[in-house]
Amino acid sequence: MGLSPLSRNEAITDIAPILDQPVIAFRSNIRAVTLDSREAFQAFLYQETFMNVLPQQQRYEADQIEWDRVAASKEFNDLMATKKVFIIPAFVFFLVYYFALPVLVGYAPQFMSTKVVGNVNLAYLFALSQFFMAWTIAWLYVKAADDFDKLAKDIIEKAENQRKGA
């Protein structure tokens, strides 16, 4: 299927049957948006599958007085302290780990150029390890965020119960 320009006011979402072909969409206020058709297809499937099926979550809406009361509560302060216990050390560790590579390459070039396997030296392995370290920290944060979410949910439920009881 070839690509054809549309009239100026038409908006299209074209899922090309050949997924390696780019999709071009024209809109009245946009000259052209080019997407990889595989990405367009995946976005289309996600929108059709999940956006209409998943229930909308209700958000807790609070005025300034309620928010001040929640922010001053022991539970909220415990949540913030719990987050800090994870986030600050993880951030500091990753920052040190990230800048260790250029520092070691600059100040210990002989050590970092040590061959490990073939032409692969320690500097290359250290650089690759940063990807795995970022993924590991992200995975650890996702696990910790489950606990943060449970604490936040308890805080919201308590605030809603106080609102209903007041």
N, C-alpha and C. Protein backbone atom coordinates (compact mmCIF):
# COMPACT_ATOMS: atom_id res chain seq x y z
N MET A 1 0.86 -1.17 0.00
CA MET A 1 0.00 0.00 0.00
C MET A 1 0.90 1.22 0.00
N GLY A 2 0.73 2.07 -0.95
CA GLY A 2 1.53 3.28 -1.04
C GLY A 2 0.97 4.38 -0.17
N LEU A 3 1.74 5.41 0.02
CA LEU A 3 1.32 6.54 0.82
C LEU A 3 0.81 7.64 -0.09
N SER A 4 -0.33 8.18 0.26
CA SER A 4 -0.87 9.25 -0.56
C SER A 4 -1.23 10.43 0.32
N PRO A 5 -0.93 11.65 -0.12
CA PRO A 5 -1.30 12.81 0.68
C PRO A 5 -2.81 12.98 0.70
N LEU A 6 -3.33 13.48 1.81
CA LEU A 6 -4.76 13.69 1.97
C LEU A 6 -5.08 15.17 1.85
N SER A 7 -6.38 15.46 1.79
CA SER A 7 -6.76 16.87 1.78
C SER A 7 -6.34 17.51 3.10
N ARG A 8 -6.21 18.78 3.12
CA ARG A 8 -5.63 19.51 4.24
C ARG A 8 -6.34 19.28 5.56
N ASN A 9 -7.64 19.07 5.59
CA ASN A 9 -8.38 18.97 6.84
C ASN A 9 -8.65 17.54 7.29
N GLU A 10 -8.13 16.56 6.56
CA GLU A 10 -8.35 15.18 6.98
C GLU A 10 -7.28 14.75 7.97
N ALA A 11 -7.68 13.91 8.88
CA ALA A 11 -6.74 13.32 9.83
C ALA A 11 -6.87 11.81 9.69
N ILE A 12 -5.76 11.13 9.58
CA ILE A 12 -5.84 9.69 9.38
C ILE A 12 -4.97 8.96 10.38
N THR A 13 -5.31 7.73 10.59
CA THR A 13 -4.43 6.76 11.23
C THR A 13 -4.39 5.59 10.27
N ASP A 14 -3.27 5.39 9.62
CA ASP A 14 -3.14 4.36 8.61
C ASP A 14 -2.25 3.26 9.15
N ILE A 15 -2.79 2.08 9.27
CA ILE A 15 -2.00 0.94 9.69
C ILE A 15 -1.62 0.20 8.41
N ALA A 16 -0.40 0.37 7.99
CA ALA A 16 0.06 -0.22 6.73
C ALA A 16 0.14 -1.73 6.88
N PRO A 17 -0.28 -2.47 5.86
CA PRO A 17 -0.19 -3.93 5.95
C PRO A 17 1.25 -4.41 5.97
N ILE A 18 2.14 -3.66 5.42
CA ILE A 18 3.56 -4.01 5.49
C ILE A 18 4.14 -3.16 6.61
N LEU A 19 4.49 -3.81 7.72
CA LEU A 19 4.83 -3.06 8.92
C LEU A 19 6.18 -2.34 8.87
N ASP A 20 6.95 -2.54 7.82
CA ASP A 20 8.22 -1.84 7.72
C ASP A 20 8.08 -0.55 6.92
N GLN A 21 6.89 -0.22 6.49
CA GLN A 21 6.66 0.97 5.68
C GLN A 21 6.25 2.13 6.59
N PRO A 22 6.79 3.32 6.40
CA PRO A 22 6.40 4.42 7.27
C PRO A 22 4.98 4.88 7.00
N VAL A 23 4.37 5.44 8.02
CA VAL A 23 3.01 5.96 7.91
C VAL A 23 3.11 7.47 8.01
N ILE A 24 2.45 8.18 7.10
CA ILE A 24 2.46 9.63 7.15
C ILE A 24 1.04 10.10 7.38
N ALA A 25 0.84 10.94 8.36
CA ALA A 25 -0.49 11.49 8.64
C ALA A 25 -0.43 12.99 8.45
N PHE A 26 -1.40 13.54 7.73
CA PHE A 26 -1.47 14.97 7.51
C PHE A 26 -2.62 15.54 8.34
N ARG A 27 -2.42 16.67 8.95
CA ARG A 27 -3.47 17.36 9.67
C ARG A 27 -3.45 18.82 9.27
N SER A 28 -4.51 19.53 9.63
CA SER A 28 -4.62 20.92 9.20
C SER A 28 -3.54 21.80 9.82
N ASN A 29 -3.14 21.52 11.07
CA ASN A 29 -2.15 22.38 11.71
C ASN A 29 -0.78 21.72 11.82
N ILE A 30 -0.64 20.53 11.27
CA ILE A 30 0.64 19.83 11.30
C ILE A 30 1.01 19.51 9.87
N ARG A 31 2.23 19.80 9.48
CA ARG A 31 2.63 19.52 8.10
C ARG A 31 2.63 18.02 7.83
N ALA A 32 3.42 17.26 8.58
CA ALA A 32 3.43 15.81 8.41
C ALA A 32 4.03 15.18 9.64
N VAL A 33 3.44 14.10 10.07
CA VAL A 33 3.97 13.33 11.19
C VAL A 33 4.34 11.98 10.63
N THR A 34 5.58 11.60 10.75
CA THR A 34 6.03 10.32 10.22
C THR A 34 6.30 9.37 11.37
N LEU A 35 5.67 8.23 11.32
CA LEU A 35 5.86 7.21 12.33
C LEU A 35 6.29 5.92 11.66
N ASP A 36 7.05 5.13 12.34
CA ASP A 36 7.28 3.78 11.89
C ASP A 36 5.94 3.07 12.01
N SER A 37 5.49 2.38 11.00
CA SER A 37 4.16 1.80 11.02
C SER A 37 4.00 0.75 12.10
N ARG A 38 5.09 0.11 12.49
CA ARG A 38 5.02 -0.86 13.58
C ARG A 38 4.64 -0.14 14.87
N GLU A 39 5.25 1.04 15.10
CA GLU A 39 4.91 1.83 16.28
C GLU A 39 3.47 2.31 16.22
N ALA A 40 3.03 2.73 15.04
CA ALA A 40 1.65 3.19 14.89
C ALA A 40 0.68 2.05 15.16
N PHE A 41 1.00 0.87 14.65
CA PHE A 41 0.14 -0.28 14.86
C PHE A 41 0.07 -0.65 16.33
N GLN A 42 1.22 -0.65 17.01
CA GLN A 42 1.24 -0.96 18.44
C GLN A 42 0.46 0.07 19.23
N ALA A 43 0.60 1.34 18.90
CA ALA A 43 -0.15 2.39 19.59
C ALA A 43 -1.64 2.22 19.35
N PHE A 44 -2.02 1.89 18.12
CA PHE A 44 -3.42 1.66 17.79
C PHE A 44 -3.98 0.49 18.59
N LEU A 45 -3.25 -0.63 18.64
CA LEU A 45 -3.71 -1.78 19.40
C LEU A 45 -3.83 -1.46 20.88
N TYR A 46 -2.85 -0.74 21.41
CA TYR A 46 -2.90 -0.38 22.83
C TYR A 46 -4.13 0.47 23.11
N GLN A 47 -4.36 1.45 22.27
CA GLN A 47 -5.50 2.35 22.47
C GLN A 47 -6.81 1.57 22.39
N GLU A 48 -6.95 0.73 21.38
CA GLU A 48 -8.20 -0.01 21.19
C GLU A 48 -8.39 -1.06 22.28
N THR A 49 -7.30 -1.67 22.75
CA THR A 49 -7.40 -2.75 23.72
C THR A 49 -7.58 -2.25 25.14
N PHE A 50 -6.77 -1.29 25.55
CA PHE A 50 -6.74 -0.92 26.96
C PHE A 50 -7.50 0.35 27.31
N MET A 51 -7.50 1.32 26.43
CA MET A 51 -8.09 2.61 26.79
C MET A 51 -9.60 2.50 26.99
N ASN A 52 -10.26 1.59 26.26
CA ASN A 52 -11.71 1.47 26.38
C ASN A 52 -12.12 0.40 27.38
N VAL A 53 -11.20 -0.44 27.82
CA VAL A 53 -11.54 -1.56 28.69
C VAL A 53 -11.25 -1.25 30.15
N LEU A 54 -10.11 -0.59 30.41
CA LEU A 54 -9.72 -0.34 31.78
C LEU A 54 -10.62 0.70 32.43
N PRO A 55 -11.06 0.44 33.66
CA PRO A 55 -11.89 1.44 34.34
C PRO A 55 -11.06 2.66 34.72
N GLN A 56 -11.68 3.80 34.71
CA GLN A 56 -11.00 5.02 35.11
C GLN A 56 -10.85 5.03 36.63
N GLN A 57 -9.65 5.30 37.10
CA GLN A 57 -9.42 5.36 38.54
C GLN A 57 -9.95 6.68 39.08
N GLN A 58 -10.54 6.58 40.26
CA GLN A 58 -10.98 7.80 40.90
C GLN A 58 -9.80 8.41 41.63
N ARG A 59 -9.69 9.71 41.54
CA ARG A 59 -8.61 10.42 42.21
C ARG A 59 -9.15 11.08 43.45
N TYR A 60 -8.32 11.14 44.45
CA TYR A 60 -8.70 11.82 45.67
C TYR A 60 -8.50 13.31 45.45
N GLU A 61 -9.55 14.07 45.55
CA GLU A 61 -9.50 15.52 45.39
C GLU A 61 -9.59 16.15 46.77
N ALA A 62 -8.68 17.04 47.07
CA ALA A 62 -8.65 17.68 48.39
C ALA A 62 -8.46 19.17 48.23
N ASP A 63 -9.09 19.90 49.12
CA ASP A 63 -8.86 21.34 49.12
C ASP A 63 -7.59 21.62 49.94
N GLN A 64 -7.20 22.85 50.02
CA GLN A 64 -5.94 23.21 50.68
C GLN A 64 -5.93 22.82 52.16
N ILE A 65 -7.05 22.97 52.84
CA ILE A 65 -7.12 22.64 54.27
C ILE A 65 -6.93 21.14 54.47
N GLU A 66 -7.61 20.34 53.64
CA GLU A 66 -7.45 18.88 53.74
C GLU A 66 -6.03 18.47 53.41
N TRP A 67 -5.47 19.06 52.36
CA TRP A 67 -4.10 18.71 51.98
C TRP A 67 -3.13 19.05 53.10
N ASP A 68 -3.28 20.21 53.72
CA ASP A 68 -2.39 20.59 54.82
C ASP A 68 -2.51 19.59 55.97
N ARG A 69 -3.73 19.14 56.24
CA ARG A 69 -3.94 18.16 57.32
C ARG A 69 -3.26 16.83 56.97
N VAL A 70 -3.43 16.37 55.72
CA VAL A 70 -2.80 15.12 55.29
C VAL A 70 -1.28 15.26 55.31
N ALA A 71 -0.76 16.37 54.80
CA ALA A 71 0.69 16.57 54.75
C ALA A 71 1.31 16.65 56.14
N ALA A 72 0.54 17.06 57.14
CA ALA A 72 1.06 17.16 58.50
C ALA A 72 0.91 15.85 59.27
N SER A 73 0.23 14.86 58.69
CA SER A 73 -0.01 13.61 59.41
C SER A 73 1.26 12.79 59.54
N LYS A 74 1.27 11.95 60.56
CA LYS A 74 2.42 11.08 60.81
C LYS A 74 2.59 10.08 59.66
N GLU A 75 1.49 9.56 59.15
CA GLU A 75 1.56 8.56 58.08
C GLU A 75 2.21 9.15 56.82
N PHE A 76 1.83 10.38 56.47
CA PHE A 76 2.39 11.02 55.29
C PHE A 76 3.89 11.28 55.48
N ASN A 77 4.27 11.75 56.65
CA ASN A 77 5.68 11.99 56.93
C ASN A 77 6.47 10.69 56.92
N ASP A 78 5.85 9.60 57.40
CA ASP A 78 6.51 8.29 57.33
C ASP A 78 6.69 7.84 55.88
N LEU A 79 5.68 8.11 55.04
CA LEU A 79 5.80 7.78 53.62
C LEU A 79 6.95 8.54 52.97
N MET A 80 7.04 9.83 53.23
CA MET A 80 8.13 10.62 52.66
C MET A 80 9.49 10.14 53.16
N ALA A 81 9.57 9.80 54.45
CA ALA A 81 10.84 9.30 55.01
C ALA A 81 11.21 7.96 54.39
N THR A 82 10.21 7.09 54.18
CA THR A 82 10.46 5.79 53.57
C THR A 82 10.97 5.96 52.14
N LYS A 83 10.38 6.88 51.41
CA LYS A 83 10.83 7.14 50.05
C LYS A 83 12.27 7.66 50.04
N LYS A 84 12.57 8.56 50.96
CA LYS A 84 13.93 9.12 51.02
C LYS A 84 14.96 8.06 51.34
N VAL A 85 14.59 7.10 52.19
CA VAL A 85 15.52 6.03 52.57
C VAL A 85 15.94 5.22 51.35
N PHE A 86 15.05 5.08 50.38
CA PHE A 86 15.41 4.35 49.16
C PHE A 86 16.00 5.27 48.10
N ILE A 87 15.33 6.37 47.81
CA ILE A 87 15.67 7.19 46.65
C ILE A 87 17.03 7.86 46.78
N ILE A 88 17.34 8.44 47.91
CA ILE A 88 18.60 9.17 48.05
C ILE A 88 19.81 8.24 47.95
N PRO A 89 19.86 7.12 48.69
CA PRO A 89 21.01 6.22 48.49
C PRO A 89 21.11 5.65 47.07
N ALA A 90 19.97 5.32 46.47
CA ALA A 90 20.01 4.79 45.10
C ALA A 90 20.55 5.84 44.14
N PHE A 91 20.12 7.08 44.31
CA PHE A 91 20.59 8.17 43.45
C PHE A 91 22.09 8.39 43.63
N VAL A 92 22.54 8.45 44.86
CA VAL A 92 23.97 8.68 45.14
C VAL A 92 24.80 7.52 44.58
N PHE A 93 24.34 6.27 44.81
CA PHE A 93 25.07 5.12 44.30
C PHE A 93 25.19 5.18 42.78
N PHE A 94 24.06 5.45 42.09
CA PHE A 94 24.12 5.47 40.64
C PHE A 94 24.98 6.62 40.13
N LEU A 95 24.92 7.77 40.78
CA LEU A 95 25.74 8.90 40.35
C LEU A 95 27.23 8.57 40.48
N VAL A 96 27.62 7.96 41.60
CA VAL A 96 29.02 7.56 41.79
C VAL A 96 29.39 6.50 40.76
N TYR A 97 28.51 5.52 40.56
CA TYR A 97 28.78 4.45 39.61
C TYR A 97 28.92 5.01 38.19
N TYR A 98 28.04 5.94 37.83
CA TYR A 98 28.06 6.53 36.50
C TYR A 98 29.35 7.32 36.25
N PHE A 99 29.75 8.15 37.20
CA PHE A 99 30.94 8.97 37.00
C PHE A 99 32.24 8.22 37.29
N ALA A 100 32.14 7.00 37.81
CA ALA A 100 33.35 6.22 38.04
C ALA A 100 34.03 5.86 36.72
N LEU A 101 33.26 5.63 35.67
CA LEU A 101 33.85 5.27 34.38
C LEU A 101 34.75 6.37 33.83
N PRO A 102 34.27 7.60 33.64
CA PRO A 102 35.19 8.61 33.10
C PRO A 102 36.35 8.93 34.05
N VAL A 103 36.09 8.86 35.34
CA VAL A 103 37.17 9.12 36.29
C VAL A 103 38.23 8.04 36.20
N LEU A 104 37.80 6.78 36.17
CA LEU A 104 38.78 5.68 36.07
C LEU A 104 39.51 5.69 34.73
N VAL A 105 38.81 5.99 33.66
CA VAL A 105 39.47 6.05 32.35
C VAL A 105 40.48 7.19 32.34
N GLY A 106 40.16 8.30 33.00
CA GLY A 106 41.07 9.44 33.02
C GLY A 106 42.25 9.25 33.95
N TYR A 107 42.01 8.67 35.13
CA TYR A 107 43.08 8.58 36.13
C TYR A 107 43.73 7.21 36.24
N ALA A 108 43.12 6.18 35.69
CA ALA A 108 43.71 4.84 35.70
C ALA A 108 43.57 4.19 34.33
N PRO A 109 44.13 4.83 33.30
CA PRO A 109 43.95 4.30 31.94
C PRO A 109 44.59 2.92 31.75
N GLN A 110 45.70 2.66 32.42
CA GLN A 110 46.34 1.35 32.28
C GLN A 110 45.44 0.25 32.82
N PHE A 111 44.82 0.50 33.96
CA PHE A 111 43.92 -0.48 34.56
C PHE A 111 42.69 -0.71 33.69
N MET A 112 42.09 0.37 33.21
CA MET A 112 40.85 0.25 32.43
C MET A 112 41.10 -0.34 31.04
N SER A 113 42.33 -0.28 30.54
CA SER A 113 42.63 -0.85 29.23
C SER A 113 43.05 -2.32 29.33
N THR A 114 42.96 -2.89 30.51
CA THR A 114 43.29 -4.31 30.70
C THR A 114 42.34 -5.16 29.88
N LYS A 115 42.90 -6.00 29.02
CA LYS A 115 42.09 -6.87 28.16
C LYS A 115 41.48 -7.99 29.01
N VAL A 116 40.21 -8.26 28.77
CA VAL A 116 39.52 -9.33 29.49
C VAL A 116 39.29 -10.51 28.56
N VAL A 117 38.63 -10.26 27.41
CA VAL A 117 38.38 -11.29 26.41
C VAL A 117 38.63 -10.67 25.05
N GLY A 118 39.59 -11.17 24.32
CA GLY A 118 39.91 -10.62 23.01
C GLY A 118 40.28 -9.15 23.11
N ASN A 119 39.59 -8.30 22.36
CA ASN A 119 39.85 -6.86 22.41
C ASN A 119 38.95 -6.13 23.41
N VAL A 120 38.16 -6.86 24.14
CA VAL A 120 37.25 -6.25 25.12
C VAL A 120 38.03 -5.99 26.40
N ASN A 121 38.04 -4.70 26.79
CA ASN A 121 38.79 -4.34 27.99
C ASN A 121 37.82 -3.98 29.13
N LEU A 122 38.39 -3.68 30.29
CA LEU A 122 37.57 -3.36 31.46
C LEU A 122 36.69 -2.13 31.24
N ALA A 123 37.16 -1.16 30.51
CA ALA A 123 36.36 0.04 30.27
C ALA A 123 35.08 -0.30 29.52
N TYR A 124 35.17 -1.15 28.50
CA TYR A 124 33.97 -1.57 27.76
C TYR A 124 33.02 -2.33 28.68
N LEU A 125 33.54 -3.25 29.47
CA LEU A 125 32.68 -4.01 30.37
C LEU A 125 32.02 -3.11 31.42
N PHE A 126 32.78 -2.15 31.92
CA PHE A 126 32.22 -1.22 32.90
C PHE A 126 31.11 -0.38 32.27
N ALA A 127 31.34 0.07 31.04
CA ALA A 127 30.32 0.87 30.34
C ALA A 127 29.06 0.04 30.12
N LEU A 128 29.20 -1.20 29.71
CA LEU A 128 28.04 -2.07 29.52
C LEU A 128 27.34 -2.37 30.84
N SER A 129 28.11 -2.48 31.90
CA SER A 129 27.51 -2.78 33.21
C SER A 129 26.61 -1.65 33.68
N GLN A 130 26.82 -0.45 33.17
CA GLN A 130 25.97 0.66 33.59
C GLN A 130 24.53 0.47 33.11
N PHE A 131 24.34 -0.16 31.97
CA PHE A 131 22.98 -0.47 31.52
C PHE A 131 22.31 -1.42 32.51
N PHE A 132 23.03 -2.48 32.87
CA PHE A 132 22.47 -3.46 33.79
C PHE A 132 22.23 -2.84 35.18
N MET A 133 23.11 -1.95 35.57
CA MET A 133 22.93 -1.29 36.86
C MET A 133 21.69 -0.40 36.84
N ALA A 134 21.48 0.32 35.76
CA ALA A 134 20.28 1.16 35.65
C ALA A 134 19.02 0.30 35.67
N TRP A 135 19.03 -0.82 34.96
CA TRP A 135 17.86 -1.71 34.96
C TRP A 135 17.63 -2.29 36.35
N THR A 136 18.72 -2.64 37.05
CA THR A 136 18.59 -3.20 38.40
C THR A 136 18.01 -2.17 39.36
N ILE A 137 18.49 -0.96 39.29
CA ILE A 137 17.96 0.09 40.16
C ILE A 137 16.50 0.36 39.82
N ALA A 138 16.16 0.38 38.55
CA ALA A 138 14.76 0.57 38.15
C ALA A 138 13.89 -0.56 38.69
N TRP A 139 14.35 -1.79 38.59
CA TRP A 139 13.61 -2.95 39.09
C TRP A 139 13.44 -2.85 40.60
N LEU A 140 14.49 -2.48 41.31
CA LEU A 140 14.39 -2.31 42.76
C LEU A 140 13.41 -1.20 43.13
N TYR A 141 13.42 -0.12 42.33
CA TYR A 141 12.50 0.98 42.61
C TYR A 141 11.05 0.54 42.38
N VAL A 142 10.81 -0.23 41.33
CA VAL A 142 9.45 -0.70 41.07
C VAL A 142 8.97 -1.56 42.24
N LYS A 143 9.84 -2.41 42.76
CA LYS A 143 9.46 -3.22 43.93
C LYS A 143 9.19 -2.32 45.14
N ALA A 144 10.03 -1.32 45.36
CA ALA A 144 9.83 -0.42 46.49
C ALA A 144 8.59 0.45 46.28
N ALA A 145 8.31 0.81 45.04
CA ALA A 145 7.16 1.66 44.75
C ALA A 145 5.85 0.96 45.09
N ASP A 146 5.83 -0.37 45.02
CA ASP A 146 4.63 -1.10 45.45
C ASP A 146 4.34 -0.81 46.91
N ASP A 147 5.37 -0.80 47.73
CA ASP A 147 5.18 -0.47 49.15
C ASP A 147 4.76 0.99 49.31
N PHE A 148 5.38 1.88 48.53
CA PHE A 148 4.99 3.30 48.60
C PHE A 148 3.52 3.47 48.24
N ASP A 149 3.10 2.74 47.20
CA ASP A 149 1.71 2.85 46.76
C ASP A 149 0.74 2.34 47.82
N LYS A 150 1.11 1.26 48.51
CA LYS A 150 0.25 0.74 49.58
C LYS A 150 0.12 1.76 50.70
N LEU A 151 1.24 2.38 51.08
CA LEU A 151 1.20 3.41 52.12
C LEU A 151 0.37 4.60 51.68
N ALA A 152 0.53 5.02 50.44
CA ALA A 152 -0.23 6.16 49.92
C ALA A 152 -1.73 5.83 49.88
N LYS A 153 -2.06 4.61 49.49
CA LYS A 153 -3.46 4.20 49.46
C LYS A 153 -4.07 4.25 50.86
N ASP A 154 -3.31 3.80 51.86
CA ASP A 154 -3.79 3.86 53.24
C ASP A 154 -4.02 5.30 53.68
N ILE A 155 -3.13 6.19 53.29
CA ILE A 155 -3.27 7.61 53.65
C ILE A 155 -4.53 8.19 52.99
N ILE A 156 -4.74 7.85 51.73
CA ILE A 156 -5.92 8.36 51.02
C ILE A 156 -7.20 7.82 51.64
N GLU A 157 -7.21 6.52 51.96
CA GLU A 157 -8.41 5.94 52.58
C GLU A 157 -8.70 6.60 53.93
N LYS A 158 -7.65 6.84 54.70
CA LYS A 158 -7.85 7.50 55.99
C LYS A 158 -8.40 8.92 55.79
N ALA A 159 -7.89 9.64 54.82
CA ALA A 159 -8.36 11.00 54.55
C ALA A 159 -9.81 10.99 54.07
N GLU A 160 -10.16 10.01 53.22
CA GLU A 160 -11.54 9.91 52.75
C GLU A 160 -12.49 9.57 53.90
N ASN A 161 -12.05 8.67 54.78
CA ASN A 161 -12.88 8.31 55.94
C ASN A 161 -13.07 9.49 56.86
N GLN A 162 -12.03 10.30 57.05
CA GLN A 162 -12.16 11.50 57.89
C GLN A 162 -13.09 12.50 57.24
N ARG A 163 -13.06 12.60 55.91
CA ARG A 163 -13.94 13.53 55.20
C ARG A 163 -15.39 13.08 55.37
N LYS A 164 -15.65 11.79 55.23
CA LYS A 164 -17.01 11.26 55.36
C LYS A 164 -17.52 11.40 56.80
N GLY A 165 -16.59 11.21 57.76
CA GLY A 165 -16.97 11.29 59.17
C GLY A 165 -17.14 12.72 59.66
N ALA A 166 -16.59 13.69 58.93
CA ALA A 166 -16.65 15.08 59.39
C ALA A 166 -17.92 15.77 59.04
